[in-house]
Amino acid sequence: MSRLAADMIVRLHKLMRARLLGLLLLPLLALPQPAVAIDPPYEPQMERLAEILGSLYFLNPLCVESTTDWRAQMADLVILDNPDEDRQQRLYGAFNGGYTAYSRLYRSCTPSAEEALKRLLVEAEAVARDIHTRFAE
């Protein structure tokens, strides 16, 4: 057998393997793919607001006698937004992250904790207003 004929046979075998592999993978492409949810455009602001609410949930009882239940506010926010499971978990994760971050820093009300509380309240109001102004129907 000539060198040219041997090369042609090798190429033919490679081509047949590639086609066979394509035929084997084709049914996998036909399987239904899970739907990928698209986050709303206000998702980053919602996650930041959730983080702030978690921080307030920790700091508020340290420094202020208040009847505001920031955890309930978070639950109401999630109910109103009606996110899918993935977004809901991210929002609650952000809330817990905000709580944890401040719980590592403070054990009692200090001037720094009071200042953080004031700034968080201002930021929460600004973020909530921004979401409402830009994205409310």
N, C-alpha and C. Protein backbone atom coordinates (compact mmCIF):
# COMPACT_ATOMS: atom_id res chain seq x y z
N MET A 1 0.85 -1.17 0.00
CA MET A 1 0.00 0.00 0.00
C MET A 1 0.90 1.23 0.00
N SER A 2 0.49 2.19 -0.79
CA SER A 2 1.30 3.39 -0.92
C SER A 2 1.09 4.30 0.29
N ARG A 3 2.01 5.21 0.45
CA ARG A 3 1.95 6.18 1.55
C ARG A 3 0.70 7.05 1.42
N LEU A 4 0.35 7.41 0.22
CA LEU A 4 -0.82 8.24 -0.04
C LEU A 4 -2.10 7.50 0.35
N ALA A 5 -2.18 6.24 0.03
CA ALA A 5 -3.35 5.44 0.38
C ALA A 5 -3.46 5.28 1.90
N ALA A 6 -2.34 5.08 2.57
CA ALA A 6 -2.34 4.95 4.03
C ALA A 6 -2.80 6.24 4.69
N ASP A 7 -2.35 7.38 4.18
CA ASP A 7 -2.78 8.68 4.72
C ASP A 7 -4.28 8.89 4.52
N MET A 8 -4.77 8.47 3.36
CA MET A 8 -6.21 8.61 3.09
C MET A 8 -7.03 7.75 4.05
N ILE A 9 -6.57 6.56 4.36
CA ILE A 9 -7.28 5.67 5.28
C ILE A 9 -7.29 6.27 6.68
N VAL A 10 -6.18 6.83 7.11
CA VAL A 10 -6.10 7.46 8.44
C VAL A 10 -7.06 8.64 8.51
N ARG A 11 -7.08 9.46 7.46
CA ARG A 11 -7.98 10.61 7.44
C ARG A 11 -9.45 10.17 7.46
N LEU A 12 -9.75 9.13 6.72
CA LEU A 12 -11.10 8.59 6.68
C LEU A 12 -11.54 8.09 8.05
N HIS A 13 -10.64 7.40 8.75
CA HIS A 13 -10.95 6.92 10.10
C HIS A 13 -11.20 8.09 11.06
N LYS A 14 -10.39 9.14 10.97
CA LYS A 14 -10.59 10.32 11.83
C LYS A 14 -11.93 10.98 11.54
N LEU A 15 -12.26 11.09 10.26
CA LEU A 15 -13.52 11.69 9.87
C LEU A 15 -14.70 10.86 10.37
N MET A 16 -14.60 9.55 10.27
CA MET A 16 -15.68 8.67 10.73
C MET A 16 -15.83 8.76 12.25
N ARG A 17 -14.73 8.84 12.98
CA ARG A 17 -14.80 8.98 14.44
C ARG A 17 -15.45 10.31 14.82
N ALA A 18 -15.11 11.36 14.12
CA ALA A 18 -15.70 12.67 14.41
C ALA A 18 -17.20 12.66 14.14
N ARG A 19 -17.60 12.02 13.04
CA ARG A 19 -19.03 11.94 12.74
C ARG A 19 -19.75 11.08 13.77
N LEU A 20 -19.14 9.98 14.16
CA LEU A 20 -19.75 9.11 15.16
C LEU A 20 -19.91 9.85 16.48
N LEU A 21 -18.88 10.59 16.88
CA LEU A 21 -18.96 11.37 18.11
C LEU A 21 -20.08 12.40 18.00
N GLY A 22 -20.19 13.05 16.85
CA GLY A 22 -21.27 14.01 16.64
C GLY A 22 -22.63 13.37 16.74
N LEU A 23 -22.78 12.18 16.18
CA LEU A 23 -24.05 11.46 16.26
C LEU A 23 -24.38 11.04 17.69
N LEU A 24 -23.35 10.72 18.47
CA LEU A 24 -23.58 10.34 19.86
C LEU A 24 -23.96 11.55 20.72
N LEU A 25 -23.40 12.70 20.41
CA LEU A 25 -23.68 13.91 21.20
C LEU A 25 -24.97 14.60 20.78
N LEU A 26 -25.43 14.36 19.58
CA LEU A 26 -26.63 15.00 19.08
C LEU A 26 -27.85 14.80 19.98
N PRO A 27 -28.13 13.58 20.47
CA PRO A 27 -29.28 13.41 21.36
C PRO A 27 -29.15 14.22 22.66
N LEU A 28 -27.92 14.43 23.13
CA LEU A 28 -27.74 15.22 24.35
C LEU A 28 -28.16 16.67 24.13
N LEU A 29 -27.92 17.17 22.93
CA LEU A 29 -28.32 18.54 22.64
C LEU A 29 -29.83 18.70 22.56
N ALA A 30 -30.51 17.61 22.24
CA ALA A 30 -31.97 17.66 22.12
C ALA A 30 -32.67 17.60 23.47
N LEU A 31 -31.94 17.23 24.53
CA LEU A 31 -32.55 17.18 25.86
C LEU A 31 -32.93 18.58 26.30
N PRO A 32 -34.01 18.69 27.03
CA PRO A 32 -34.40 20.04 27.50
C PRO A 32 -33.35 20.58 28.46
N GLN A 33 -33.02 21.83 28.24
CA GLN A 33 -32.04 22.51 29.08
C GLN A 33 -32.77 23.28 30.17
N PRO A 34 -32.20 23.35 31.37
CA PRO A 34 -32.87 24.13 32.41
C PRO A 34 -32.93 25.61 32.02
N ALA A 35 -34.02 26.22 32.36
CA ALA A 35 -34.19 27.64 32.05
C ALA A 35 -33.27 28.45 32.95
N VAL A 36 -32.66 29.43 32.37
CA VAL A 36 -31.77 30.31 33.11
C VAL A 36 -32.54 31.59 33.41
N ALA A 37 -32.71 31.85 34.68
CA ALA A 37 -33.44 33.06 35.08
C ALA A 37 -32.57 34.29 34.85
N ILE A 38 -33.21 35.34 34.49
CA ILE A 38 -32.51 36.61 34.29
C ILE A 38 -32.88 37.51 35.45
N ASP A 39 -31.86 38.02 36.11
CA ASP A 39 -32.10 38.91 37.24
C ASP A 39 -32.71 40.21 36.75
N PRO A 40 -33.58 40.81 37.57
CA PRO A 40 -34.10 42.12 37.21
C PRO A 40 -32.97 43.16 37.27
N PRO A 41 -33.13 44.27 36.61
CA PRO A 41 -32.05 45.26 36.58
C PRO A 41 -31.74 45.88 37.94
N TYR A 42 -32.66 45.75 38.88
CA TYR A 42 -32.44 46.34 40.21
C TYR A 42 -31.86 45.34 41.21
N GLU A 43 -31.43 44.19 40.74
CA GLU A 43 -30.93 43.15 41.66
C GLU A 43 -29.75 43.61 42.52
N PRO A 44 -28.74 44.28 41.96
CA PRO A 44 -27.64 44.72 42.84
C PRO A 44 -28.12 45.64 43.97
N GLN A 45 -29.05 46.54 43.66
CA GLN A 45 -29.58 47.43 44.70
C GLN A 45 -30.37 46.65 45.74
N MET A 46 -31.12 45.65 45.29
CA MET A 46 -31.90 44.83 46.24
C MET A 46 -30.98 44.07 47.17
N GLU A 47 -29.90 43.51 46.63
CA GLU A 47 -28.97 42.78 47.47
C GLU A 47 -28.29 43.72 48.46
N ARG A 48 -27.96 44.92 48.03
CA ARG A 48 -27.36 45.90 48.96
C ARG A 48 -28.36 46.29 50.04
N LEU A 49 -29.61 46.50 49.65
CA LEU A 49 -30.64 46.83 50.64
C LEU A 49 -30.81 45.69 51.63
N ALA A 50 -30.79 44.47 51.16
CA ALA A 50 -30.90 43.32 52.06
C ALA A 50 -29.73 43.27 53.03
N GLU A 51 -28.54 43.56 52.53
CA GLU A 51 -27.36 43.58 53.39
C GLU A 51 -27.48 44.66 54.46
N ILE A 52 -27.95 45.82 54.06
CA ILE A 52 -28.14 46.92 55.02
C ILE A 52 -29.17 46.53 56.07
N LEU A 53 -30.27 45.92 55.66
CA LEU A 53 -31.30 45.50 56.62
C LEU A 53 -30.74 44.51 57.62
N GLY A 54 -29.89 43.60 57.17
CA GLY A 54 -29.24 42.67 58.09
C GLY A 54 -28.35 43.39 59.09
N SER A 55 -27.63 44.38 58.61
CA SER A 55 -26.78 45.18 59.50
C SER A 55 -27.62 45.94 60.52
N LEU A 56 -28.71 46.52 60.06
CA LEU A 56 -29.60 47.24 60.96
C LEU A 56 -30.23 46.30 61.98
N TYR A 57 -30.54 45.09 61.56
CA TYR A 57 -31.13 44.10 62.46
C TYR A 57 -30.18 43.80 63.62
N PHE A 58 -28.88 43.84 63.34
CA PHE A 58 -27.92 43.61 64.42
C PHE A 58 -27.69 44.88 65.25
N LEU A 59 -27.45 46.00 64.58
CA LEU A 59 -27.05 47.23 65.29
C LEU A 59 -28.17 47.90 66.05
N ASN A 60 -29.37 47.87 65.52
CA ASN A 60 -30.47 48.62 66.12
C ASN A 60 -30.70 48.26 67.59
N PRO A 61 -30.79 46.99 67.97
CA PRO A 61 -31.01 46.68 69.39
C PRO A 61 -29.84 47.08 70.29
N LEU A 62 -28.64 47.17 69.72
CA LEU A 62 -27.49 47.57 70.53
C LEU A 62 -27.57 49.02 70.95
N CYS A 63 -28.07 49.88 70.06
CA CYS A 63 -27.97 51.32 70.29
C CYS A 63 -29.30 52.04 70.51
N VAL A 64 -30.40 51.45 70.10
CA VAL A 64 -31.67 52.18 70.12
C VAL A 64 -32.76 51.27 70.65
N GLU A 65 -33.60 51.84 71.51
CA GLU A 65 -34.82 51.12 71.87
C GLU A 65 -35.83 51.44 70.81
N SER A 66 -36.06 50.49 69.93
CA SER A 66 -36.93 50.73 68.79
C SER A 66 -37.86 49.55 68.59
N THR A 67 -38.97 49.83 67.98
CA THR A 67 -39.92 48.77 67.69
C THR A 67 -39.79 48.27 66.25
N THR A 68 -38.82 48.81 65.50
CA THR A 68 -38.63 48.40 64.11
C THR A 68 -38.01 47.01 64.08
N ASP A 69 -38.68 46.10 63.41
CA ASP A 69 -38.17 44.75 63.24
C ASP A 69 -37.62 44.64 61.82
N TRP A 70 -36.30 44.77 61.71
CA TRP A 70 -35.69 44.79 60.39
C TRP A 70 -35.78 43.44 59.69
N ARG A 71 -35.83 42.37 60.46
CA ARG A 71 -36.00 41.05 59.86
C ARG A 71 -37.38 40.93 59.22
N ALA A 72 -38.39 41.45 59.88
CA ALA A 72 -39.74 41.45 59.31
C ALA A 72 -39.80 42.35 58.07
N GLN A 73 -39.08 43.47 58.12
CA GLN A 73 -39.02 44.34 56.96
C GLN A 73 -38.40 43.60 55.76
N MET A 74 -37.37 42.80 56.05
CA MET A 74 -36.73 42.02 55.00
C MET A 74 -37.71 40.99 54.44
N ALA A 75 -38.42 40.31 55.30
CA ALA A 75 -39.40 39.31 54.86
C ALA A 75 -40.47 39.96 53.99
N ASP A 76 -40.94 41.12 54.39
CA ASP A 76 -41.94 41.85 53.59
C ASP A 76 -41.38 42.24 52.22
N LEU A 77 -40.14 42.67 52.21
CA LEU A 77 -39.49 43.06 50.96
C LEU A 77 -39.41 41.86 50.01
N VAL A 78 -39.05 40.72 50.53
CA VAL A 78 -38.96 39.51 49.69
C VAL A 78 -40.33 39.10 49.18
N ILE A 79 -41.33 39.18 50.03
CA ILE A 79 -42.70 38.83 49.60
C ILE A 79 -43.16 39.77 48.49
N LEU A 80 -42.91 41.05 48.65
CA LEU A 80 -43.33 42.02 47.64
C LEU A 80 -42.59 41.84 46.31
N ASP A 81 -41.31 41.50 46.39
CA ASP A 81 -40.51 41.34 45.17
C ASP A 81 -40.82 40.02 44.47
N ASN A 82 -41.23 39.02 45.24
CA ASN A 82 -41.59 37.71 44.70
C ASN A 82 -40.47 37.12 43.82
N PRO A 83 -39.25 36.98 44.38
CA PRO A 83 -38.14 36.47 43.59
C PRO A 83 -38.23 34.96 43.40
N ASP A 84 -37.49 34.45 42.40
CA ASP A 84 -37.38 33.01 42.27
C ASP A 84 -36.49 32.49 43.40
N GLU A 85 -36.37 31.19 43.50
CA GLU A 85 -35.65 30.57 44.63
C GLU A 85 -34.20 31.04 44.72
N ASP A 86 -33.53 31.12 43.58
CA ASP A 86 -32.13 31.54 43.56
C ASP A 86 -31.97 32.96 44.07
N ARG A 87 -32.78 33.88 43.56
CA ARG A 87 -32.70 35.27 44.02
C ARG A 87 -33.08 35.39 45.48
N GLN A 88 -34.08 34.65 45.90
CA GLN A 88 -34.50 34.70 47.30
C GLN A 88 -33.34 34.28 48.20
N GLN A 89 -32.64 33.23 47.82
CA GLN A 89 -31.50 32.78 48.63
C GLN A 89 -30.38 33.81 48.65
N ARG A 90 -30.16 34.48 47.52
CA ARG A 90 -29.13 35.52 47.49
C ARG A 90 -29.52 36.71 48.36
N LEU A 91 -30.80 37.07 48.34
CA LEU A 91 -31.25 38.18 49.19
C LEU A 91 -31.10 37.85 50.66
N TYR A 92 -31.53 36.65 51.04
CA TYR A 92 -31.36 36.25 52.45
C TYR A 92 -29.88 36.09 52.81
N GLY A 93 -29.08 35.65 51.85
CA GLY A 93 -27.64 35.56 52.10
C GLY A 93 -27.02 36.92 52.33
N ALA A 94 -27.47 37.92 51.56
CA ALA A 94 -26.97 39.28 51.75
C ALA A 94 -27.39 39.82 53.12
N PHE A 95 -28.63 39.55 53.52
CA PHE A 95 -29.12 39.96 54.83
C PHE A 95 -28.24 39.35 55.92
N ASN A 96 -28.02 38.05 55.82
CA ASN A 96 -27.20 37.37 56.83
C ASN A 96 -25.75 37.86 56.81
N GLY A 97 -25.25 38.19 55.62
CA GLY A 97 -23.90 38.73 55.52
C GLY A 97 -23.77 40.07 56.22
N GLY A 98 -24.78 40.93 56.06
CA GLY A 98 -24.77 42.23 56.76
C GLY A 98 -24.82 42.06 58.26
N TYR A 99 -25.65 41.13 58.71
CA TYR A 99 -25.76 40.85 60.15
C TYR A 99 -24.41 40.35 60.69
N THR A 100 -23.84 39.39 59.99
CA THR A 100 -22.59 38.78 60.44
C THR A 100 -21.45 39.78 60.47
N ALA A 101 -21.38 40.63 59.46
CA ALA A 101 -20.29 41.61 59.38
C ALA A 101 -20.26 42.51 60.62
N TYR A 102 -21.41 43.00 61.03
CA TYR A 102 -21.43 43.89 62.19
C TYR A 102 -21.37 43.12 63.50
N SER A 103 -21.83 41.89 63.51
CA SER A 103 -21.75 41.12 64.75
C SER A 103 -20.30 40.78 65.10
N ARG A 104 -19.43 40.80 64.11
CA ARG A 104 -18.00 40.56 64.36
C ARG A 104 -17.31 41.80 64.92
N LEU A 105 -17.89 42.97 64.64
CA LEU A 105 -17.25 44.22 65.04
C LEU A 105 -17.72 44.74 66.40
N TYR A 106 -18.99 44.53 66.73
CA TYR A 106 -19.55 45.20 67.90
C TYR A 106 -20.19 44.20 68.86
N ARG A 107 -19.99 44.48 70.14
CA ARG A 107 -20.67 43.74 71.20
C ARG A 107 -21.54 44.66 72.04
N SER A 108 -21.27 45.95 71.93
CA SER A 108 -22.06 46.95 72.64
C SER A 108 -22.13 48.20 71.77
N CYS A 109 -22.99 49.12 72.19
CA CYS A 109 -23.15 50.35 71.43
C CYS A 109 -21.98 51.28 71.73
N THR A 110 -21.24 51.58 70.70
CA THR A 110 -20.11 52.50 70.79
C THR A 110 -20.42 53.69 69.89
N PRO A 111 -19.66 54.77 70.01
CA PRO A 111 -19.86 55.89 69.08
C PRO A 111 -19.73 55.45 67.62
N SER A 112 -18.83 54.54 67.36
CA SER A 112 -18.67 54.03 66.01
C SER A 112 -19.90 53.25 65.55
N ALA A 113 -20.48 52.46 66.43
CA ALA A 113 -21.69 51.71 66.10
C ALA A 113 -22.86 52.66 65.86
N GLU A 114 -22.96 53.71 66.66
CA GLU A 114 -24.02 54.70 66.46
C GLU A 114 -23.88 55.38 65.10
N GLU A 115 -22.65 55.73 64.75
CA GLU A 115 -22.39 56.37 63.47
C GLU A 115 -22.72 55.41 62.32
N ALA A 116 -22.33 54.16 62.46
CA ALA A 116 -22.64 53.16 61.43
C ALA A 116 -24.16 53.02 61.27
N LEU A 117 -24.86 53.00 62.38
CA LEU A 117 -26.32 52.89 62.35
C LEU A 117 -26.93 54.07 61.60
N LYS A 118 -26.47 55.27 61.90
CA LYS A 118 -26.99 56.46 61.21
C LYS A 118 -26.72 56.40 59.71
N ARG A 119 -25.51 56.03 59.35
CA ARG A 119 -25.15 55.97 57.93
C ARG A 119 -25.93 54.88 57.20
N LEU A 120 -26.13 53.75 57.86
CA LEU A 120 -26.88 52.67 57.24
C LEU A 120 -28.34 53.07 57.01
N LEU A 121 -28.92 53.78 57.96
CA LEU A 121 -30.30 54.24 57.79
C LEU A 121 -30.42 55.19 56.60
N VAL A 122 -29.47 56.10 56.47
CA VAL A 122 -29.47 57.05 55.35
C VAL A 122 -29.30 56.29 54.03
N GLU A 123 -28.35 55.34 54.01
CA GLU A 123 -28.12 54.58 52.78
C GLU A 123 -29.33 53.72 52.42
N ALA A 124 -29.95 53.10 53.42
CA ALA A 124 -31.13 52.26 53.17
C ALA A 124 -32.24 53.09 52.52
N GLU A 125 -32.45 54.28 53.06
CA GLU A 125 -33.48 55.15 52.49
C GLU A 125 -33.14 55.54 51.05
N ALA A 126 -31.88 55.86 50.80
CA ALA A 126 -31.46 56.26 49.46
C ALA A 126 -31.59 55.09 48.47
N VAL A 127 -31.19 53.89 48.86
CA VAL A 127 -31.28 52.74 47.97
C VAL A 127 -32.74 52.39 47.69
N ALA A 128 -33.56 52.40 48.73
CA ALA A 128 -34.98 52.09 48.54
C ALA A 128 -35.64 53.12 47.62
N ARG A 129 -35.30 54.38 47.82
CA ARG A 129 -35.87 55.44 46.97
C ARG A 129 -35.40 55.27 45.53
N ASP A 130 -34.13 54.92 45.36
CA ASP A 130 -33.58 54.72 44.01
C ASP A 130 -34.28 53.57 43.31
N ILE A 131 -34.48 52.46 43.99
CA ILE A 131 -35.19 51.32 43.40
C ILE A 131 -36.59 51.73 42.98
N HIS A 132 -37.28 52.41 43.89
CA HIS A 132 -38.66 52.81 43.60
C HIS A 132 -38.72 53.80 42.43
N THR A 133 -37.85 54.79 42.46
CA THR A 133 -37.87 55.82 41.43
C THR A 133 -37.52 55.26 40.06
N ARG A 134 -36.51 54.43 40.00
CA ARG A 134 -36.04 53.95 38.71
C ARG A 134 -36.77 52.74 38.16
N PHE A 135 -37.33 51.90 39.05
CA PHE A 135 -37.84 50.61 38.58
C PHE A 135 -39.30 50.32 38.90
N ALA A 136 -39.95 51.15 39.70
CA ALA A 136 -41.37 50.89 40.03
C ALA A 136 -42.22 51.13 38.80
N GLU A 137 -43.24 50.34 38.67
CA GLU A 137 -44.12 50.45 37.50
C GLU A 137 -45.12 51.55 37.68
